[in-house]
Protein backbone atom coordinates (compact mmCIF):
# COMPACT_ATOMS: atom_id res chain seq x y z
CA MET A 1 0.00 0.00 0.00
CA PHE A 2 1.34 3.40 -0.95
CA LEU A 3 1.71 6.31 1.45
CA ALA A 4 -0.88 8.32 -0.49
CA ASP A 5 -3.47 5.58 0.04
CA LYS A 6 -2.80 5.64 3.79
CA VAL A 7 -3.22 9.42 3.88
CA ILE A 8 -6.49 9.20 1.95
CA ARG A 9 -7.80 6.64 4.45
CA LEU A 10 -6.87 8.93 7.34
CA ALA A 11 -8.70 11.83 5.70
CA TYR A 12 -11.89 9.83 5.08
CA ASP A 13 -14.99 11.58 6.42
CA PRO A 14 -17.35 9.03 7.99
CA GLY A 15 -20.19 11.59 7.84
CA ILE A 16 -21.13 11.43 11.53
CA LYS A 17 -22.54 14.64 12.98
CA PRO A 18 -24.24 15.35 16.34
CA ASN A 19 -27.97 14.66 16.15
CA GLU A 20 -29.99 16.33 18.88
CA GLY A 21 -33.10 14.19 18.44
CA GLY A 22 -31.29 10.88 17.93
CA LEU A 23 -31.88 9.16 21.27
CA PRO A 24 -34.73 9.24 23.74
CA GLY A 25 -34.04 10.77 27.12
CA LEU A 26 -31.82 13.60 25.91
CA ALA A 27 -33.85 16.19 27.81
CA VAL A 28 -33.51 14.14 31.01
CA LEU A 29 -29.76 13.78 30.48
CA LYS A 30 -29.40 17.55 30.02
CA GLN A 31 -31.37 18.11 33.23
CA VAL A 32 -29.19 15.63 35.13
CA MET A 33 -25.99 17.27 33.88
CA GLY A 34 -27.31 20.69 34.87
CA SER A 35 -28.12 19.36 38.34
CA ILE A 36 -24.65 17.85 38.69
CA ASN A 37 -23.15 21.20 37.67
CA LEU A 38 -25.30 22.97 40.29
CA PHE A 39 -24.23 20.51 43.02
CA GLY A 40 -20.62 21.09 42.01
CA ILE A 41 -21.00 24.84 42.30
CA ILE A 42 -22.66 24.50 45.71
CA ALA A 43 -19.82 22.20 46.87
CA VAL A 44 -17.27 24.75 45.65
CA VAL A 45 -18.97 27.48 47.70
CA GLY A 46 -18.66 25.30 50.79
CA ALA A 47 -15.04 24.41 50.03
CA MET A 48 -14.17 28.06 49.54
CA ALA A 49 -15.83 29.05 52.81
CA VAL A 50 -13.93 26.34 54.72
CA SER A 51 -10.65 27.22 52.99
CA ALA A 52 -11.09 30.91 53.75
CA GLY A 53 -11.76 30.03 57.39
CA VAL A 54 -8.60 27.89 57.53
CA TRP A 55 -6.63 30.70 55.90
CA ALA A 56 -7.88 33.24 58.44
CA TRP A 57 -7.38 30.88 61.39
CA GLY A 58 -3.84 30.04 60.24
CA HIS A 59 -3.00 33.70 59.80
CA HIS A 60 -4.27 34.78 63.21
CA SER A 61 -2.89 31.80 65.12
CA GLY A 62 0.55 31.87 63.51
CA GLY A 63 0.03 28.49 61.81
CA HIS A 64 1.89 29.07 58.57
CA GLN A 65 1.09 25.61 57.18
CA ALA A 66 -2.64 26.09 57.83
CA GLU A 67 -2.47 29.53 56.26
CA ALA A 68 -0.75 28.15 53.16
CA ASN A 69 -3.27 25.31 52.88
CA GLY A 70 -6.14 27.78 53.25
CA LYS A 71 -4.75 29.94 50.45
CA LYS A 72 -4.29 26.89 48.27
CA GLY A 73 -7.86 25.77 48.98
CA VAL A 74 -9.26 29.18 48.07
CA LEU A 75 -7.36 29.21 44.78
CA VAL A 76 -8.39 25.65 43.90
CA SER A 77 -12.01 26.46 44.75
CA ALA A 78 -11.89 29.58 42.60
CA GLY A 79 -10.45 27.58 39.71
CA ALA A 80 -13.13 24.91 40.10
CA ALA A 81 -15.85 27.57 40.14
CA LEU A 82 -14.39 29.08 36.98
CA LEU A 83 -14.37 25.73 35.19
CA LEU A 84 -17.86 24.76 36.36
CA GLY A 85 -19.29 28.10 35.30
CA ALA A 86 -17.53 28.07 31.96
CA ALA A 87 -18.13 24.37 31.18
CA ASN A 88 -20.76 25.01 28.49
CA GLY A 89 -18.68 27.70 26.83
CA ILE A 90 -15.48 25.63 26.91
CA VAL A 91 -17.17 22.58 25.41
CA ALA A 92 -18.96 24.69 22.78
CA PHE A 93 -15.71 26.45 21.86
CA PHE A 94 -13.73 23.26 21.36
CA SER A 95 -16.64 21.51 19.63
CA THR A 96 -16.87 24.39 17.15
CA LEU A 97 -13.11 24.37 16.76
CA GLY A 98 -13.23 20.64 16.10
CA THR A 99 -15.74 21.07 13.28
CA GLN A 100 -13.25 23.28 11.47
CA VAL A 101 -10.62 20.54 11.25
CA HIS A 102 -10.50 19.09 7.75
């Protein structure tokens, strides 16, 4: 088999595209994913509150390790909140970017 034949096989378009009405239960799945996202955001709020408390307690008690862990927890919580809030936009961006690959 020649190299050109291998390249042509790699470039073959199978013709599969997302179909919104293809399977039953899609609306339920969207609702479940939205609920999971909401639970994640609520958990992040709790984690940030605890981390901020540890940060403040470590700062005022002279516990440098607790202070550092509190700061780290606040930053990780903020990053998780950013990703959870931007999940739809991130997936939509990369999905659109993926459709442009030929």
